[in-house]
């Protein structure tokens, strides 16, 4: 547990540096520019590197499909509930997708090591890759719909370079195309830069945030969805699968991680209230710290 808390503290250090940079340089530190650089240049590195960390086998492929199946099963009723709860299109978009896009990379992978050991890395890596598709296909469309037409939203998906990058990385992994150590190091450098920039970007958005401006209904609805509805429904659906308790526990953990920083990228790109999304990410990350103890108990009691 101490190692887990230390991992989270180090994550917050980079977030604080982003906040400090924005506080010092004000308008010279443009979050939109950082967002464009992250989405269009560095996030493809994160994807390719993620595929290169472990060789895919048939028994592993089933896990991300189960994860995606749970996401889709819960997303459809979420979209319907959003229409009933929110009149504003942007609030509907945030509620519909933010809770489903968890921080499966920056928090999920190290947390998996802390709770399950290194044997969880293959699973958390694959789930993180599946989550990338959720972010940059479903997420792009839903956040776009907060400001754009259906046609424009679909075109926005095609423009995101991380999708073709993921397909290329998948082919490299499946066909076991050899990469020299220099190329592997190149992708690793780009991936680490992308991860750090994501955390830094969150810090820049935190500057000037006024939590009182976050609508109470949006906060309660999204946070309840993230930490109560989605994990509970996921645990129920997982109980009907033939997966081992260990793998079920890994998937359950990934369903409960805080809201992903990638939400800021999409909300900023498509003008879907990035300040409110940032507030939700901050609050979910802070609330997750005390919830870690409950999560650790559940995993040890039911899955290990």
C-alpha atoms as a PDB file:
ATOM      1  CA  UNK A   1       0.000   0.000   0.000  1.00  0.00           C
ATOM      2  CA  UNK A   2       2.886   2.389   0.766  1.00  0.00           C
ATOM      3  CA  UNK A   3       4.335   1.773  -2.704  1.00  0.00           C
ATOM      4  CA  UNK A   4       0.932   2.487  -4.242  1.00  0.00           C
ATOM      5  CA  UNK A   5       0.626   5.777  -2.369  1.00  0.00           C
ATOM      6  CA  UNK A   6       4.173   6.747  -3.382  1.00  0.00           C
ATOM      7  CA  UNK A   7       3.334   6.035  -7.029  1.00  0.00           C
ATOM      8  CA  UNK A   8       0.337   8.360  -6.781  1.00  0.00           C
ATOM      9  CA  UNK A   9       2.413  11.054  -5.050  1.00  0.00           C
ATOM     10  CA  UNK A  10       4.948  11.011  -7.902  1.00  0.00           C
ATOM     11  CA  UNK A  11       2.068  11.395 -10.351  1.00  0.00           C
ATOM     12  CA  UNK A  12       0.933  14.487  -8.433  1.00  0.00           C
ATOM     13  CA  UNK A  13       4.432  15.992  -8.654  1.00  0.00           C
ATOM     14  CA  UNK A  14       4.171  16.302 -12.443  1.00  0.00           C
ATOM     15  CA  UNK A  15       0.640  17.672 -12.096  1.00  0.00           C
ATOM     16  CA  UNK A  16       1.935  20.300  -9.670  1.00  0.00           C
ATOM     17  CA  UNK A  17       4.708  21.269 -12.105  1.00  0.00           C
ATOM     18  CA  UNK A  18       2.088  21.929 -14.783  1.00  0.00           C
ATOM     19  CA  UNK A  19       0.057  24.023 -12.351  1.00  0.00           C
ATOM     20  CA  UNK A  20       3.188  25.947 -11.336  1.00  0.00           C
ATOM     21  CA  UNK A  21       4.143  26.595 -14.964  1.00  0.00           C
ATOM     22  CA  UNK A  22       0.695  28.010 -15.746  1.00  0.00           C
ATOM     23  CA  UNK A  23       0.722  30.103 -12.584  1.00  0.00           C
ATOM     24  CA  UNK A  24       4.115  31.631 -13.432  1.00  0.00           C
ATOM     25  CA  UNK A  25       3.822  32.090 -17.206  1.00  0.00           C
ATOM     26  CA  UNK A  26       0.050  32.721 -17.431  1.00  0.00           C
ATOM     27  CA  UNK A  27      -1.074  33.133 -21.076  1.00  0.00           C
ATOM     28  CA  UNK A  28       2.376  32.200 -22.423  1.00  0.00           C
ATOM     29  CA  UNK A  29       1.658  28.622 -21.272  1.00  0.00           C
ATOM     30  CA  UNK A  30      -1.118  27.658 -23.683  1.00  0.00           C
ATOM     31  CA  UNK A  31      -2.929  24.398 -22.687  1.00  0.00           C
ATOM     32  CA  UNK A  32      -4.533  24.085 -26.144  1.00  0.00           C
ATOM     33  CA  UNK A  33      -1.079  23.988 -27.769  1.00  0.00           C
ATOM     34  CA  UNK A  34       0.044  21.313 -25.308  1.00  0.00           C
ATOM     35  CA  UNK A  35      -3.141  19.344 -26.038  1.00  0.00           C
ATOM     36  CA  UNK A  36      -2.528  19.392 -29.785  1.00  0.00           C
ATOM     37  CA  UNK A  37       1.090  18.311 -29.301  1.00  0.00           C
ATOM     38  CA  UNK A  38       0.033  15.494 -26.978  1.00  0.00           C
ATOM     39  CA  UNK A  39      -2.835  14.112 -29.101  1.00  0.00           C
ATOM     40  CA  UNK A  40      -1.270  14.421 -32.541  1.00  0.00           C
ATOM     41  CA  UNK A  41       2.392  13.706 -31.810  1.00  0.00           C
ATOM     42  CA  UNK A  42       3.075  11.920 -28.498  1.00  0.00           C
ATOM     43  CA  UNK A  43       0.034   9.733 -27.778  1.00  0.00           C
ATOM     44  CA  UNK A  44       0.792   7.480 -30.805  1.00  0.00           C
ATOM     45  CA  UNK A  45       4.156   6.742 -29.138  1.00  0.00           C
ATOM     46  CA  UNK A  46       2.353   5.665 -25.951  1.00  0.00           C
ATOM     47  CA  UNK A  47       0.230   3.219 -27.950  1.00  0.00           C
ATOM     48  CA  UNK A  48       3.081   1.683 -29.948  1.00  0.00           C
ATOM     49  CA  UNK A  49       5.237   1.338 -26.844  1.00  0.00           C
ATOM     50  CA  UNK A  50       2.356  -0.257 -24.928  1.00  0.00           C
ATOM     51  CA  UNK A  51       2.023  -2.970 -27.574  1.00  0.00           C
ATOM     52  CA  UNK A  52       5.764  -3.608 -27.499  1.00  0.00           C
ATOM     53  CA  UNK A  53       5.896  -4.319 -23.741  1.00  0.00           C
ATOM     54  CA  UNK A  54       4.356  -7.789 -24.009  1.00  0.00           C
ATOM     55  CA  UNK A  55       3.828 -10.414 -26.687  1.00  0.00           C
ATOM     56  CA  UNK A  56       0.145 -11.083 -27.301  1.00  0.00           C
ATOM     57  CA  UNK A  57      -1.169 -14.629 -26.902  1.00  0.00           C
ATOM     58  CA  UNK A  58      -4.622 -16.068 -27.514  1.00  0.00           C
ATOM     59  CA  UNK A  59      -5.461 -16.352 -23.808  1.00  0.00           C
ATOM     60  CA  UNK A  60      -4.611 -12.678 -23.296  1.00  0.00           C
ATOM     61  CA  UNK A  61      -6.750 -11.342 -26.154  1.00  0.00           C
ATOM     62  CA  UNK A  62      -9.985 -12.348 -24.400  1.00  0.00           C
ATOM     63  CA  UNK A  63      -9.378  -9.947 -21.479  1.00  0.00           C
ATOM     64  CA  UNK A  64      -9.590  -6.597 -23.331  1.00  0.00           C
ATOM     65  CA  UNK A  65     -12.676  -7.863 -25.185  1.00  0.00           C
ATOM     66  CA  UNK A  66     -14.359  -8.583 -21.841  1.00  0.00           C
ATOM     67  CA  UNK A  67     -13.362  -5.084 -20.686  1.00  0.00           C
ATOM     68  CA  UNK A  68     -14.794  -3.524 -23.869  1.00  0.00           C
ATOM     69  CA  UNK A  69     -17.931  -5.662 -23.576  1.00  0.00           C
ATOM     70  CA  UNK A  70     -18.606  -4.342 -20.078  1.00  0.00           C
ATOM     71  CA  UNK A  71     -17.981  -0.763 -21.249  1.00  0.00           C
ATOM     72  CA  UNK A  72     -20.436  -1.090 -24.150  1.00  0.00           C
ATOM     73  CA  UNK A  73     -23.045  -2.857 -21.997  1.00  0.00           C
ATOM     74  CA  UNK A  74     -23.019   0.015 -19.499  1.00  0.00           C
ATOM     75  CA  UNK A  75     -22.492   2.862 -21.959  1.00  0.00           C
ATOM     76  CA  UNK A  76     -25.813   2.433 -23.778  1.00  0.00           C
ATOM     77  CA  UNK A  77     -28.013   2.929 -20.669  1.00  0.00           C
ATOM     78  CA  UNK A  78     -25.684   5.748 -19.606  1.00  0.00           C
ATOM     79  CA  UNK A  79     -26.415   7.632 -22.844  1.00  0.00           C
ATOM     80  CA  UNK A  80     -30.145   7.240 -22.237  1.00  0.00           C
ATOM     81  CA  UNK A  81     -29.880   8.382 -18.610  1.00  0.00           C
ATOM     82  CA  UNK A  82     -27.840  11.418 -19.693  1.00  0.00           C
ATOM     83  CA  UNK A  83     -30.688  12.554 -21.962  1.00  0.00           C
ATOM     84  CA  UNK A  84     -33.099  12.400 -19.030  1.00  0.00           C
ATOM     85  CA  UNK A  85     -30.818  14.150 -16.525  1.00  0.00           C
ATOM     86  CA  UNK A  86     -29.207  16.932 -18.569  1.00  0.00           C
ATOM     87  CA  UNK A  87     -30.696  19.433 -20.990  1.00  0.00           C
ATOM     88  CA  UNK A  88     -27.299  20.857 -21.942  1.00  0.00           C
ATOM     89  CA  UNK A  89     -25.561  18.878 -24.727  1.00  0.00           C
ATOM     90  CA  UNK A  90     -22.078  19.393 -23.282  1.00  0.00           C
ATOM     91  CA  UNK A  91     -23.083  18.187 -19.815  1.00  0.00           C
ATOM     92  CA  UNK A  92     -24.711  15.138 -21.435  1.00  0.00           C
ATOM     93  CA  UNK A  93     -21.448  14.410 -23.275  1.00  0.00           C
ATOM     94  CA  UNK A  94     -19.341  14.715 -20.110  1.00  0.00           C
ATOM     95  CA  UNK A  95     -21.659  12.512 -18.036  1.00  0.00           C
ATOM     96  CA  UNK A  96     -21.966   9.925 -20.818  1.00  0.00           C
ATOM     97  CA  UNK A  97     -18.243   9.255 -21.301  1.00  0.00           C
ATOM     98  CA  UNK A  98     -16.072  10.674 -18.485  1.00  0.00           C
ATOM     99  CA  UNK A  99     -16.853   7.915 -15.998  1.00  0.00           C
ATOM    100  CA  UNK A 100     -16.011   5.217 -18.548  1.00  0.00           C
ATOM    101  CA  UNK A 101     -12.614   6.642 -19.521  1.00  0.00           C
ATOM    102  CA  UNK A 102     -10.505   5.625 -16.524  1.00  0.00           C
ATOM    103  CA  UNK A 103      -6.825   6.276 -15.931  1.00  0.00           C
ATOM    104  CA  UNK A 104      -5.855   2.698 -16.835  1.00  0.00           C
ATOM    105  CA  UNK A 105      -2.318   3.711 -17.808  1.00  0.00           C
ATOM    106  CA  UNK A 106      -0.696   6.202 -15.448  1.00  0.00           C
ATOM    107  CA  UNK A 107      -2.519   4.809 -12.400  1.00  0.00           C
ATOM    108  CA  UNK A 108      -3.901   1.421 -13.500  1.00  0.00           C
ATOM    109  CA  UNK A 109      -0.610  -0.226 -14.503  1.00  0.00           C
ATOM    110  CA  UNK A 110       1.456   0.705 -11.386  1.00  0.00           C
ATOM    111  CA  UNK A 111      -1.569   0.033  -9.151  1.00  0.00           C
ATOM    112  CA  UNK A 112      -1.913  -3.427 -10.690  1.00  0.00           C
ATOM    113  CA  UNK A 113       1.722  -4.175  -9.840  1.00  0.00           C
ATOM    114  CA  UNK A 114       1.178  -3.009  -6.253  1.00  0.00           C
ATOM    115  CA  UNK A 115      -1.998  -5.050  -5.711  1.00  0.00           C
ATOM    116  CA  UNK A 116      -1.412  -8.130  -7.892  1.00  0.00           C
ATOM    117  CA  UNK A 117       2.318  -8.226  -8.659  1.00  0.00           C
ATOM    118  CA  UNK A 118       4.167  -8.021 -11.968  1.00  0.00           C
ATOM    119  CA  UNK A 119       2.109 -10.868 -13.464  1.00  0.00           C
ATOM    120  CA  UNK A 120      -0.711  -8.328 -13.847  1.00  0.00           C
ATOM    121  CA  UNK A 121       1.258  -6.150 -16.307  1.00  0.00           C
ATOM    122  CA  UNK A 122       0.261  -8.123 -19.405  1.00  0.00           C
ATOM    123  CA  UNK A 123      -3.406  -7.685 -18.499  1.00  0.00           C
ATOM    124  CA  UNK A 124      -3.257  -4.036 -17.441  1.00  0.00           C
ATOM    125  CA  UNK A 125      -1.309  -3.189 -20.602  1.00  0.00           C
ATOM    126  CA  UNK A 126      -3.920  -4.827 -22.831  1.00  0.00           C
ATOM    127  CA  UNK A 127      -6.771  -3.168 -20.938  1.00  0.00           C
ATOM    128  CA  UNK A 128      -5.024   0.186 -21.297  1.00  0.00           C
ATOM    129  CA  UNK A 129      -4.762  -0.358 -25.054  1.00  0.00           C
ATOM    130  CA  UNK A 130      -8.471  -1.269 -25.190  1.00  0.00           C
ATOM    131  CA  UNK A 131      -9.191   1.894 -23.225  1.00  0.00           C
ATOM    132  CA  UNK A 132      -7.314   3.916 -25.844  1.00  0.00           C
ATOM    133  CA  UNK A 133      -9.853   2.762 -28.423  1.00  0.00           C
ATOM    134  CA  UNK A 134     -12.672   3.775 -26.048  1.00  0.00           C
ATOM    135  CA  UNK A 135     -11.076   7.217 -25.633  1.00  0.00           C
ATOM    136  CA  UNK A 136     -10.234   7.956 -29.247  1.00  0.00           C
ATOM    137  CA  UNK A 137     -13.285   6.441 -30.956  1.00  0.00           C
ATOM    138  CA  UNK A 138     -16.266   6.626 -28.590  1.00  0.00           C
ATOM    139  CA  UNK A 139     -14.778   9.492 -26.570  1.00  0.00           C
ATOM    140  CA  UNK A 140     -13.976  11.591 -29.639  1.00  0.00           C
ATOM    141  CA  UNK A 141     -17.503  11.111 -30.977  1.00  0.00           C
ATOM    142  CA  UNK A 142     -19.317  11.825 -27.683  1.00  0.00           C
ATOM    143  CA  UNK A 143     -17.250  14.897 -26.792  1.00  0.00           C
ATOM    144  CA  UNK A 144     -17.560  16.172 -30.370  1.00  0.00           C
ATOM    145  CA  UNK A 145     -21.325  15.864 -30.190  1.00  0.00           C
ATOM    146  CA  UNK A 146     -21.248  18.421 -27.387  1.00  0.00           C
ATOM    147  CA  UNK A 147     -20.267  21.039 -29.990  1.00  0.00           C
ATOM    148  CA  UNK A 148     -20.447  19.489 -33.491  1.00  0.00           C
ATOM    149  CA  UNK A 149     -22.849  17.666 -35.817  1.00  0.00           C
ATOM    150  CA  UNK A 150     -22.863  13.868 -36.230  1.00  0.00           C
ATOM    151  CA  UNK A 151     -20.973  14.113 -39.549  1.00  0.00           C
ATOM    152  CA  UNK A 152     -18.297  16.412 -38.097  1.00  0.00           C
ATOM    153  CA  UNK A 153     -17.963  14.189 -35.013  1.00  0.00           C
ATOM    154  CA  UNK A 154     -17.344  11.102 -37.175  1.00  0.00           C
ATOM    155  CA  UNK A 155     -14.733  13.010 -39.194  1.00  0.00           C
ATOM    156  CA  UNK A 156     -13.001  14.006 -35.941  1.00  0.00           C
ATOM    157  CA  UNK A 157     -12.447  10.296 -35.162  1.00  0.00           C
ATOM    158  CA  UNK A 158     -10.632   9.776 -38.477  1.00  0.00           C
ATOM    159  CA  UNK A 159      -8.352  12.743 -37.855  1.00  0.00           C
ATOM    160  CA  UNK A 160      -6.920  11.298 -34.609  1.00  0.00           C
ATOM    161  CA  UNK A 161      -3.549   9.644 -35.487  1.00  0.00           C
ATOM    162  CA  UNK A 162      -3.565   7.264 -32.511  1.00  0.00           C
ATOM    163  CA  UNK A 163      -6.015   4.907 -34.288  1.00  0.00           C
ATOM    164  CA  UNK A 164      -3.799   4.106 -37.313  1.00  0.00           C
ATOM    165  CA  UNK A 165      -0.784   4.032 -34.967  1.00  0.00           C
ATOM    166  CA  UNK A 166      -2.549   1.376 -32.868  1.00  0.00           C
ATOM    167  CA  UNK A 167      -3.291  -0.733 -35.943  1.00  0.00           C
ATOM    168  CA  UNK A 168       0.360  -0.574 -37.041  1.00  0.00           C
ATOM    169  CA  UNK A 169       1.526  -1.504 -33.523  1.00  0.00           C
ATOM    170  CA  UNK A 170      -0.931  -4.417 -33.436  1.00  0.00           C
ATOM    171  CA  UNK A 171       0.418  -5.785 -36.724  1.00  0.00           C
ATOM    172  CA  UNK A 172       4.005  -5.471 -35.477  1.00  0.00           C
ATOM    173  CA  UNK A 173       3.124  -7.428 -32.325  1.00  0.00           C
ATOM    174  CA  UNK A 174       1.007 -10.151 -33.955  1.00  0.00           C
ATOM    175  CA  UNK A 175       3.523 -10.877 -36.721  1.00  0.00           C
ATOM    176  CA  UNK A 176       6.423 -10.539 -34.306  1.00  0.00           C
ATOM    177  CA  UNK A 177       8.222  -7.992 -36.488  1.00  0.00           C
ATOM    178  CA  UNK A 178      11.616  -7.434 -34.835  1.00  0.00           C
ATOM    179  CA  UNK A 179      12.492  -3.960 -33.606  1.00  0.00           C
ATOM    180  CA  UNK A 180      16.061  -3.056 -32.789  1.00  0.00           C
ATOM    181  CA  UNK A 181      16.890  -1.905 -29.256  1.00  0.00           C
ATOM    182  CA  UNK A 182      17.432   1.625 -30.595  1.00  0.00           C
ATOM    183  CA  UNK A 183      13.922   1.740 -32.100  1.00  0.00           C
ATOM    184  CA  UNK A 184      12.417   0.310 -28.919  1.00  0.00           C
ATOM    185  CA  UNK A 185      14.187   2.957 -26.868  1.00  0.00           C
ATOM    186  CA  UNK A 186      12.947   5.614 -29.292  1.00  0.00           C
ATOM    187  CA  UNK A 187       9.315   4.555 -28.759  1.00  0.00           C
ATOM    188  CA  UNK A 188       9.861   4.321 -25.000  1.00  0.00           C
ATOM    189  CA  UNK A 189      11.222   7.877 -24.866  1.00  0.00           C
ATOM    190  CA  UNK A 190       8.235   9.170 -26.834  1.00  0.00           C
ATOM    191  CA  UNK A 191       5.805   7.228 -24.628  1.00  0.00           C
ATOM    192  CA  UNK A 192       7.294   8.514 -21.370  1.00  0.00           C
ATOM    193  CA  UNK A 193       7.249  12.042 -22.776  1.00  0.00           C
ATOM    194  CA  UNK A 194       3.567  11.582 -23.677  1.00  0.00           C
ATOM    195  CA  UNK A 195       2.679  10.295 -20.188  1.00  0.00           C
ATOM    196  CA  UNK A 196       4.517  13.142 -18.451  1.00  0.00           C
ATOM    197  CA  UNK A 197       2.977  15.747 -20.780  1.00  0.00           C
ATOM    198  CA  UNK A 198      -0.503  14.396 -19.968  1.00  0.00           C
ATOM    199  CA  UNK A 199       0.132  14.924 -16.254  1.00  0.00           C
ATOM    200  CA  UNK A 200       1.695  18.327 -16.899  1.00  0.00           C
ATOM    201  CA  UNK A 201      -1.319  19.278 -19.013  1.00  0.00           C
ATOM    202  CA  UNK A 202      -3.703  18.413 -16.183  1.00  0.00           C
ATOM    203  CA  UNK A 203      -1.748  20.791 -13.949  1.00  0.00           C
ATOM    204  CA  UNK A 204      -2.091  23.667 -16.419  1.00  0.00           C
ATOM    205  CA  UNK A 205      -5.860  23.193 -16.526  1.00  0.00           C
ATOM    206  CA  UNK A 206      -6.027  23.141 -12.726  1.00  0.00           C
ATOM    207  CA  UNK A 207      -4.816  26.741 -12.600  1.00  0.00           C
ATOM    208  CA  UNK A 208      -7.799  29.017 -12.234  1.00  0.00           C
ATOM    209  CA  UNK A 209     -10.222  26.155 -11.538  1.00  0.00           C
ATOM    210  CA  UNK A 210     -13.168  27.122  -9.343  1.00  0.00           C
ATOM    211  CA  UNK A 211     -14.776  23.979  -7.991  1.00  0.00           C
ATOM    212  CA  UNK A 212     -17.892  25.926  -7.022  1.00  0.00           C
ATOM    213  CA  UNK A 213     -18.561  26.479 -10.732  1.00  0.00           C
ATOM    214  CA  UNK A 214     -18.930  22.715 -11.249  1.00  0.00           C
ATOM    215  CA  UNK A 215     -22.637  21.892 -11.356  1.00  0.00           C
ATOM    216  CA  UNK A 216     -23.607  19.701  -8.413  1.00  0.00           C
ATOM    217  CA  UNK A 217     -25.760  17.358 -10.504  1.00  0.00           C
ATOM    218  CA  UNK A 218     -22.925  16.756 -12.967  1.00  0.00           C
ATOM    219  CA  UNK A 219     -20.457  16.126 -10.133  1.00  0.00           C
ATOM    220  CA  UNK A 220     -22.691  13.743  -8.162  1.00  0.00           C
ATOM    221  CA  UNK A 221     -23.821  11.906 -11.295  1.00  0.00           C
ATOM    222  CA  UNK A 222     -20.334  11.415 -12.793  1.00  0.00           C
ATOM    223  CA  UNK A 223     -18.575  10.503  -9.535  1.00  0.00           C
ATOM    224  CA  UNK A 224     -21.362   8.080  -8.540  1.00  0.00           C
ATOM    225  CA  UNK A 225     -21.128   6.500 -11.951  1.00  0.00           C
ATOM    226  CA  UNK A 226     -17.326   6.218 -11.723  1.00  0.00           C
ATOM    227  CA  UNK A 227     -16.964   4.758  -8.220  1.00  0.00           C
ATOM    228  CA  UNK A 228     -20.303   3.039  -7.522  1.00  0.00           C
ATOM    229  CA  UNK A 229     -22.362   2.136 -10.596  1.00  0.00           C
ATOM    230  CA  UNK A 230     -19.622   1.053 -13.020  1.00  0.00           C
ATOM    231  CA  UNK A 231     -17.549  -1.043 -10.534  1.00  0.00           C
ATOM    232  CA  UNK A 232     -20.671  -2.701  -9.060  1.00  0.00           C
ATOM    233  CA  UNK A 233     -22.115  -3.561 -12.481  1.00  0.00           C
ATOM    234  CA  UNK A 234     -18.682  -4.735 -13.681  1.00  0.00           C
ATOM    235  CA  UNK A 235     -18.304  -7.072 -10.671  1.00  0.00           C
ATOM    236  CA  UNK A 236     -21.751  -8.552 -11.384  1.00  0.00           C
ATOM    237  CA  UNK A 237     -21.027  -9.095 -15.101  1.00  0.00           C
ATOM    238  CA  UNK A 238     -17.580 -10.563 -14.358  1.00  0.00           C
ATOM    239  CA  UNK A 239     -19.129 -13.133 -12.025  1.00  0.00           C
ATOM    240  CA  UNK A 240     -20.862 -14.686 -15.046  1.00  0.00           C
ATOM    241  CA  UNK A 241     -17.585 -15.167 -16.953  1.00  0.00           C
ATOM    242  CA  UNK A 242     -15.191 -18.101 -16.824  1.00  0.00           C
ATOM    243  CA  UNK A 243     -12.202 -15.859 -16.086  1.00  0.00           C
ATOM    244  CA  UNK A 244     -10.032 -16.711 -13.093  1.00  0.00           C
ATOM    245  CA  UNK A 245     -10.582 -14.644  -9.911  1.00  0.00           C
ATOM    246  CA  UNK A 246      -7.153 -13.071 -10.468  1.00  0.00           C
ATOM    247  CA  UNK A 247      -8.057 -11.741 -13.933  1.00  0.00           C
ATOM    248  CA  UNK A 248     -11.513 -10.671 -12.742  1.00  0.00           C
ATOM    249  CA  UNK A 249      -9.826  -8.698  -9.962  1.00  0.00           C
ATOM    250  CA  UNK A 250      -7.532  -6.915 -12.436  1.00  0.00           C
ATOM    251  CA  UNK A 251     -10.482  -5.905 -14.630  1.00  0.00           C
ATOM    252  CA  UNK A 252     -12.498  -4.796 -11.578  1.00  0.00           C
ATOM    253  CA  UNK A 253      -9.580  -2.636 -10.417  1.00  0.00           C
ATOM    254  CA  UNK A 254      -9.269  -1.002 -13.847  1.00  0.00           C
ATOM    255  CA  UNK A 255     -12.992  -0.180 -13.793  1.00  0.00           C
ATOM    256  CA  UNK A 256     -12.498   1.735 -10.544  1.00  0.00           C
ATOM    257  CA  UNK A 257      -9.414   3.852 -11.327  1.00  0.00           C
ATOM    258  CA  UNK A 258      -9.960   7.658 -11.397  1.00  0.00           C
ATOM    259  CA  UNK A 259     -11.183   9.539 -14.463  1.00  0.00           C
ATOM    260  CA  UNK A 260      -8.472   9.635 -17.138  1.00  0.00           C
ATOM    261  CA  UNK A 261      -6.511  12.762 -18.002  1.00  0.00           C
ATOM    262  CA  UNK A 262      -7.233  12.011 -21.683  1.00  0.00           C
ATOM    263  CA  UNK A 263     -10.703  13.449 -21.082  1.00  0.00           C
ATOM    264  CA  UNK A 264      -9.055  16.886 -20.918  1.00  0.00           C
ATOM    265  CA  UNK A 265      -7.554  16.409 -24.384  1.00  0.00           C
ATOM    266  CA  UNK A 266     -10.942  15.696 -25.918  1.00  0.00           C
ATOM    267  CA  UNK A 267     -12.877  18.268 -23.943  1.00  0.00           C
ATOM    268  CA  UNK A 268     -10.306  20.913 -24.889  1.00  0.00           C
ATOM    269  CA  UNK A 269     -10.108  19.910 -28.552  1.00  0.00           C
ATOM    270  CA  UNK A 270     -13.870  19.998 -29.012  1.00  0.00           C
ATOM    271  CA  UNK A 271     -14.701  22.903 -26.667  1.00  0.00           C
ATOM    272  CA  UNK A 272     -16.686  20.703 -24.276  1.00  0.00           C
ATOM    273  CA  UNK A 273     -16.119  22.545 -20.975  1.00  0.00           C
ATOM    274  CA  UNK A 274     -12.519  21.447 -20.260  1.00  0.00           C
ATOM    275  CA  UNK A 275     -12.486  23.346 -16.945  1.00  0.00           C
ATOM    276  CA  UNK A 276     -15.398  21.301 -15.586  1.00  0.00           C
ATOM    277  CA  UNK A 277     -13.847  18.083 -16.889  1.00  0.00           C
ATOM    278  CA  UNK A 278     -10.588  19.023 -15.151  1.00  0.00           C
ATOM    279  CA  UNK A 279     -12.464  19.567 -11.881  1.00  0.00           C
ATOM    280  CA  UNK A 280     -14.030  16.113 -12.187  1.00  0.00           C
ATOM    281  CA  UNK A 281     -10.628  14.523 -12.837  1.00  0.00           C
ATOM    282  CA  UNK A 282      -9.090  16.316  -9.852  1.00  0.00           C
ATOM    283  CA  UNK A 283     -11.905  15.345  -7.492  1.00  0.00           C
ATOM    284  CA  UNK A 284     -11.994  11.729  -8.679  1.00  0.00           C
ATOM    285  CA  UNK A 285      -8.215  11.439  -8.215  1.00  0.00           C
ATOM    286  CA  UNK A 286      -8.412  12.866  -4.687  1.00  0.00           C
ATOM    287  CA  UNK A 287     -11.377  10.672  -3.724  1.00  0.00           C
ATOM    288  CA  UNK A 288      -9.551   7.606  -5.030  1.00  0.00           C
ATOM    289  CA  UNK A 289      -6.866   7.854  -2.323  1.00  0.00           C
ATOM    290  CA  UNK A 290      -9.148   6.848   0.596  1.00  0.00           C
ATOM    291  CA  UNK A 291     -10.986   4.424  -1.699  1.00  0.00           C
ATOM    292  CA  UNK A 292      -7.690   2.579  -2.241  1.00  0.00           C
ATOM    293  CA  UNK A 293      -8.021   0.927   1.148  1.00  0.00           C
ATOM    294  CA  UNK A 294     -11.516  -0.349   0.340  1.00  0.00           C
ATOM    295  CA  UNK A 295     -10.341  -1.517  -3.100  1.00  0.00           C
ATOM    296  CA  UNK A 296      -7.392  -3.357  -1.551  1.00  0.00           C
ATOM    297  CA  UNK A 297      -9.729  -5.116   0.911  1.00  0.00           C
ATOM    298  CA  UNK A 298     -12.208  -6.155  -1.809  1.00  0.00           C
ATOM    299  CA  UNK A 299      -9.462  -7.532  -4.033  1.00  0.00           C
ATOM    300  CA  UNK A 300      -7.770  -9.480  -1.236  1.00  0.00           C
ATOM    301  CA  UNK A 301     -11.081 -10.888   0.052  1.00  0.00           C
ATOM    302  CA  UNK A 302     -12.804 -11.780  -3.232  1.00  0.00           C
ATOM    303  CA  UNK A 303     -10.130 -12.106  -5.937  1.00  0.00           C
ATOM    304  CA  UNK A 304      -6.873 -13.309  -4.334  1.00  0.00           C
END
